[in-house]
Amino acid sequence: MEHIRNNDITEENISLWHKCTQCSEVSFRGELKRNGFICPKCKELFPLSLENRHNLLLDIQPTDEEEFINEDNTPEDFTNDVLAIEENIGGHSVSLFILQHESILEKRHIKSFSEAILTALDKSIPLLSVFTANPVESKLSFPDIVPLLLQLEKLSDKSLPYITVLTETGNGQLRSHLPVGEIVIAECTSELDNTARTHPQPALHAPEEQLLPEKNRDINQNMPDISVDTYVPRSDLHMVIARFLKFFSSSASN
């Protein structure tokens, strides 16, 4: 991995370098992209753009040419902060919902999530949602989320799996403004995170437990809001999700 001193960065090349917020190490954008946007020094996970998150899940590797594509040429699907689309992961169809990590939850995001659920129902395929475990805030209340819960019940009635990937997990308690799936995967920096969590998450999969009002969270800060089934390094996410989808595909055919 190539490094550079902070005082070597000029206005002409600043877009080619990224600084880690954890250790302040500066890395070349192209190499960082090929490394899954993981800091080479402290292994901190850089937040991913919608397009890079999509490519990571589908295991799309960047080419040298793609590293320098002008942002004006970004595909239309990735010009917003939310994505709801049918995709193929590891040879298996899935209805994919991704919400940008710094987004403030709004009704348009709920609409996109609803569309992803409808796609899963119509195509009889699994639902995969990806969003942050450290949301900034929400403009919505619990009643705004209820329609999603009702749709997810229909998904359950059809025995269609719902998998959630939580990002920006860090070492603190995990929160969510959106309902998580029956299987919850938390993105982590390394395999060590699987055994060295300071706040283990108990089994709280029920929607009413996941979506506790903020005032209830303040009563007991030691109670995590949502559960995690497994912590998976970013580089292994595609492989793990593909294995889950293969398992559910095999179960459905039996």
Protein backbone atom coordinates (compact mmCIF):
# COMPACT_ATOMS: atom_id res chain seq x y z
CA MET A 1 0.00 0.00 0.00
CA GLU A 2 1.40 3.39 -1.00
CA HIS A 3 1.46 6.20 1.58
CA ILE A 4 2.05 9.93 1.48
CA ARG A 5 2.76 12.64 4.04
CA ASN A 6 -0.04 15.14 4.70
CA ASN A 7 2.11 18.05 3.56
CA ASP A 8 2.63 16.34 0.18
CA ILE A 9 -1.07 16.61 -0.67
CA THR A 10 -1.89 19.50 -3.00
CA GLU A 11 -5.13 20.85 -4.44
CA GLU A 12 -4.27 19.06 -7.71
CA ASN A 13 -4.05 15.56 -6.20
CA ILE A 14 -6.20 15.75 -3.06
CA SER A 15 -8.99 13.73 -4.71
CA LEU A 16 -6.54 10.85 -5.22
CA TRP A 17 -5.82 10.42 -1.50
CA HIS A 18 -7.89 9.49 1.54
CA LYS A 19 -7.07 10.20 5.18
CA CYS A 20 -8.05 7.73 7.90
CA THR A 21 -10.07 9.39 10.66
CA GLN A 22 -8.74 6.88 13.19
CA CYS A 23 -4.95 7.02 12.71
CA SER A 24 -4.59 9.93 10.20
CA GLU A 25 -2.71 7.70 7.74
CA VAL A 26 -3.13 8.91 4.16
CA SER A 27 -3.50 6.30 1.41
CA PHE A 28 -3.74 6.39 -2.38
CA ARG A 29 -7.34 6.08 -3.56
CA GLY A 30 -6.73 3.37 -6.13
CA GLU A 31 -4.89 1.06 -3.74
CA LEU A 32 -7.40 1.78 -0.98
CA LYS A 33 -10.23 0.84 -3.31
CA ARG A 34 -8.60 -2.45 -4.24
CA ASN A 35 -8.11 -3.13 -0.50
CA GLY A 36 -11.83 -2.76 0.19
CA PHE A 37 -11.39 0.74 1.68
CA ILE A 38 -9.63 -0.61 4.77
CA CYS A 39 -6.84 1.46 6.34
CA PRO A 40 -3.51 -0.38 5.84
CA LYS A 41 -2.15 0.86 9.17
CA CYS A 42 -4.93 0.54 11.76
CA LYS A 43 -7.38 -1.61 9.70
CA GLU A 44 -10.19 0.90 10.27
CA LEU A 45 -13.08 0.58 7.80
CA PHE A 46 -13.60 3.61 5.58
CA PRO A 47 -17.30 4.38 4.92
CA LEU A 48 -18.34 3.18 1.48
CA SER A 49 -20.29 5.07 -1.16
CA LEU A 50 -23.49 3.51 -2.44
CA GLU A 51 -21.75 2.29 -5.61
CA ASN A 52 -18.72 0.87 -3.78
CA ARG A 53 -20.98 -0.90 -1.27
CA HIS A 54 -22.97 -2.41 -4.14
CA ASN A 55 -19.77 -3.56 -5.90
CA LEU A 56 -18.42 -5.07 -2.68
CA LEU A 57 -21.55 -7.17 -2.14
CA LEU A 58 -21.47 -8.39 -5.75
CA ASP A 59 -17.68 -8.93 -5.61
CA ILE A 60 -17.09 -6.56 -8.53
CA GLN A 61 -13.37 -5.78 -8.60
CA PRO A 62 -12.24 -2.32 -9.79
CA THR A 63 -9.96 -2.02 -12.79
CA ASP A 64 -7.24 0.57 -13.16
CA GLU A 65 -9.46 2.50 -15.56
CA GLU A 66 -12.42 2.50 -13.15
CA GLU A 67 -10.35 4.14 -10.42
CA PHE A 68 -10.21 7.39 -12.35
CA ILE A 69 -13.72 7.56 -13.79
CA ASN A 70 -15.16 11.04 -13.44
CA GLU A 71 -17.93 11.21 -10.81
CA ASP A 72 -20.14 12.86 -13.42
CA ASN A 73 -20.28 9.48 -15.18
CA THR A 74 -21.67 7.65 -12.14
CA PRO A 75 -24.57 5.36 -13.16
CA GLU A 76 -28.02 6.79 -12.44
CA ASP A 77 -28.76 4.08 -9.85
CA PHE A 78 -26.02 5.49 -7.60
CA THR A 79 -26.74 9.22 -7.80
CA ASN A 80 -29.13 9.01 -4.83
CA ASP A 81 -28.48 7.91 -1.24
CA VAL A 82 -30.63 4.77 -1.44
CA LEU A 83 -30.76 1.76 -3.73
CA ALA A 84 -33.53 -0.83 -4.19
CA ILE A 85 -32.78 -3.29 -6.97
CA GLU A 86 -32.92 -6.98 -7.89
CA GLU A 87 -29.39 -8.39 -8.05
CA ASN A 88 -27.49 -11.65 -8.37
CA ILE A 89 -25.06 -12.59 -5.60
CA GLY A 90 -23.12 -15.81 -5.99
CA GLY A 91 -25.52 -17.03 -8.67
CA HIS A 92 -28.63 -16.39 -6.57
CA SER A 93 -31.24 -13.68 -7.09
CA VAL A 94 -31.90 -11.30 -4.21
CA SER A 95 -33.90 -8.11 -3.65
CA LEU A 96 -31.25 -5.66 -2.45
CA PHE A 97 -31.83 -2.52 -0.37
CA ILE A 98 -28.89 -0.26 0.54
CA LEU A 99 -29.12 3.00 2.50
CA GLN A 100 -26.16 5.39 2.51
CA HIS A 101 -24.51 5.43 5.92
CA GLU A 102 -24.85 9.17 6.66
CA SER A 103 -28.43 9.50 5.41
CA ILE A 104 -31.17 10.93 7.63
CA LEU A 105 -34.05 8.47 7.41
CA GLU A 106 -36.97 9.94 5.45
CA LYS A 107 -40.23 8.69 3.97
CA ARG A 108 -38.63 8.27 0.53
CA HIS A 109 -36.24 5.74 2.09
CA ILE A 110 -39.21 3.85 3.55
CA LYS A 111 -40.77 3.83 0.08
CA SER A 112 -37.58 2.32 -1.40
CA PHE A 113 -37.46 -0.30 1.34
CA SER A 114 -41.12 -1.13 0.63
CA GLU A 115 -40.32 -1.53 -3.07
CA ALA A 116 -37.50 -3.95 -2.21
CA ILE A 117 -39.88 -6.03 -0.08
CA LEU A 118 -42.47 -6.08 -2.88
CA THR A 119 -39.79 -7.27 -5.33
CA ALA A 120 -38.89 -10.10 -2.95
CA LEU A 121 -42.57 -11.05 -2.64
CA ASP A 122 -43.30 -10.83 -6.38
CA LYS A 123 -40.17 -12.77 -7.43
CA SER A 124 -40.17 -15.15 -4.42
CA ILE A 125 -36.55 -14.29 -3.66
CA PRO A 126 -34.70 -13.37 -0.43
CA LEU A 127 -34.50 -9.79 0.83
CA LEU A 128 -31.10 -8.30 1.71
CA SER A 129 -30.89 -4.93 3.46
CA VAL A 130 -27.70 -2.97 4.17
CA PHE A 131 -27.63 0.05 6.46
CA THR A 132 -25.63 1.61 9.28
CA ALA A 133 -25.73 0.39 12.87
CA ASN A 134 -24.96 3.95 13.96
CA PRO A 135 -27.66 6.11 12.32
CA VAL A 136 -27.37 9.86 12.65
CA GLU A 137 -31.03 10.64 13.16
CA SER A 138 -34.49 10.05 11.74
CA LYS A 139 -37.32 12.33 10.65
CA LEU A 140 -39.74 9.44 11.16
CA SER A 141 -41.55 7.91 14.14
CA PHE A 142 -42.50 4.31 14.89
CA PRO A 143 -45.93 4.61 13.12
CA ASP A 144 -44.07 5.48 9.92
CA ILE A 145 -42.23 2.16 10.15
CA VAL A 146 -45.31 0.00 10.81
CA PRO A 147 -46.19 -0.53 7.10
CA LEU A 148 -42.73 -2.06 6.61
CA LEU A 149 -43.33 -4.46 9.49
CA LEU A 150 -46.64 -5.56 7.99
CA GLN A 151 -44.94 -6.19 4.63
CA LEU A 152 -42.16 -8.15 6.30
CA GLU A 153 -44.78 -10.38 7.92
CA LYS A 154 -45.97 -11.31 4.41
CA LEU A 155 -42.36 -12.15 3.57
CA SER A 156 -42.25 -14.43 6.59
CA ASP A 157 -45.58 -16.02 5.66
CA LYS A 158 -44.07 -17.04 2.31
CA SER A 159 -40.96 -18.42 4.09
CA LEU A 160 -38.74 -15.96 2.23
CA PRO A 161 -35.55 -15.15 4.16
CA TYR A 162 -34.62 -11.62 5.17
CA ILE A 163 -30.93 -10.91 5.79
CA THR A 164 -29.51 -7.64 7.14
CA VAL A 165 -25.92 -6.37 6.95
CA LEU A 166 -25.09 -3.69 9.52
CA THR A 167 -22.23 -1.30 8.74
CA GLU A 168 -20.30 1.19 10.91
CA THR A 169 -20.56 -1.20 13.85
CA GLY A 170 -17.48 -0.07 15.80
CA ASN A 171 -17.29 -1.36 19.38
CA GLY A 172 -20.36 0.32 20.85
CA GLN A 173 -24.01 -0.61 21.06
CA LEU A 174 -25.76 -1.10 17.74
CA ARG A 175 -28.89 0.84 16.85
CA SER A 176 -31.32 0.92 13.96
CA HIS A 177 -34.23 3.02 12.74
CA LEU A 178 -35.17 0.22 10.33
CA PRO A 179 -36.31 -3.36 11.04
CA VAL A 180 -33.52 -5.92 10.75
CA GLY A 181 -33.80 -9.44 9.36
CA GLU A 182 -33.98 -12.90 10.86
CA ILE A 183 -30.25 -13.13 10.12
CA VAL A 184 -28.13 -10.13 11.10
CA ILE A 185 -24.55 -9.81 9.86
CA ALA A 186 -22.35 -7.06 11.27
CA GLU A 187 -19.46 -5.86 9.15
CA CYS A 188 -16.21 -5.80 11.14
CA THR A 189 -12.55 -4.99 10.61
CA SER A 190 -11.10 -8.48 11.20
CA GLU A 191 -11.87 -11.97 12.41
CA LEU A 192 -10.77 -10.92 15.90
CA ASP A 193 -13.93 -8.85 16.19
CA ASN A 194 -15.92 -12.07 16.30
CA THR A 195 -14.53 -12.92 19.73
CA ALA A 196 -13.53 -9.57 21.24
CA ARG A 197 -16.73 -7.54 21.38
CA THR A 198 -17.11 -5.23 24.39
CA HIS A 199 -20.90 -5.10 23.96
CA PRO A 200 -22.20 -8.54 22.92
CA GLN A 201 -25.66 -8.35 21.39
CA PRO A 202 -28.35 -10.65 22.85
CA ALA A 203 -31.21 -12.04 20.79
CA LEU A 204 -33.59 -9.13 20.25
CA HIS A 205 -34.98 -9.81 16.79
CA ALA A 206 -38.56 -8.73 17.49
CA PRO A 207 -39.37 -5.46 15.64
CA GLU A 208 -40.87 -3.85 18.74
CA GLU A 209 -37.58 -4.48 20.57
CA GLN A 210 -35.40 -3.30 17.70
CA LEU A 211 -37.22 -0.01 17.25
CA LEU A 212 -37.32 1.22 20.83
CA PRO A 213 -38.07 4.94 21.29
CA GLU A 214 -35.02 7.02 22.11
CA LYS A 215 -36.37 7.85 25.58
CA ASN A 216 -36.45 4.13 26.44
CA ARG A 217 -32.86 3.74 25.34
CA ASP A 218 -31.83 6.46 27.77
CA ILE A 219 -33.30 4.49 30.71
CA ASN A 220 -30.86 1.60 30.30
CA GLN A 221 -27.83 2.40 28.17
CA ASN A 222 -26.43 -1.10 28.77
CA MET A 223 -29.25 -2.77 26.84
CA PRO A 224 -28.31 -3.20 23.17
CA ASP A 225 -31.14 -2.51 20.76
CA ILE A 226 -30.61 -5.26 18.20
CA SER A 227 -28.95 -8.63 17.92
CA VAL A 228 -26.11 -9.84 15.72
CA ASP A 229 -25.77 -13.42 14.55
CA THR A 230 -22.23 -13.10 13.23
CA TYR A 231 -19.49 -10.51 12.72
CA VAL A 232 -17.94 -10.81 9.26
CA PRO A 233 -14.81 -9.03 7.93
CA ARG A 234 -15.62 -6.71 5.04
CA SER A 235 -13.54 -8.76 2.62
CA ASP A 236 -15.62 -11.88 3.38
CA LEU A 237 -19.09 -10.33 3.09
CA HIS A 238 -19.74 -11.46 -0.48
CA MET A 239 -18.70 -15.03 0.28
CA VAL A 240 -20.77 -15.29 3.48
CA ILE A 241 -23.91 -13.79 1.93
CA ALA A 242 -23.54 -16.05 -1.13
CA ARG A 243 -23.37 -19.09 1.19
CA PHE A 244 -26.51 -18.00 3.04
CA LEU A 245 -28.37 -17.52 -0.25
CA LYS A 246 -27.19 -20.92 -1.49
CA PHE A 247 -28.45 -22.53 1.71
CA PHE A 248 -31.87 -20.91 1.45
CA SER A 249 -32.06 -21.78 -2.25
CA SER A 250 -31.30 -25.43 -1.48
CA SER A 251 -33.85 -25.49 1.35
CA ALA A 252 -36.57 -24.05 -0.86
CA SER A 253 -35.98 -26.67 -3.55
CA ASN A 254 -36.23 -29.60 -1.11
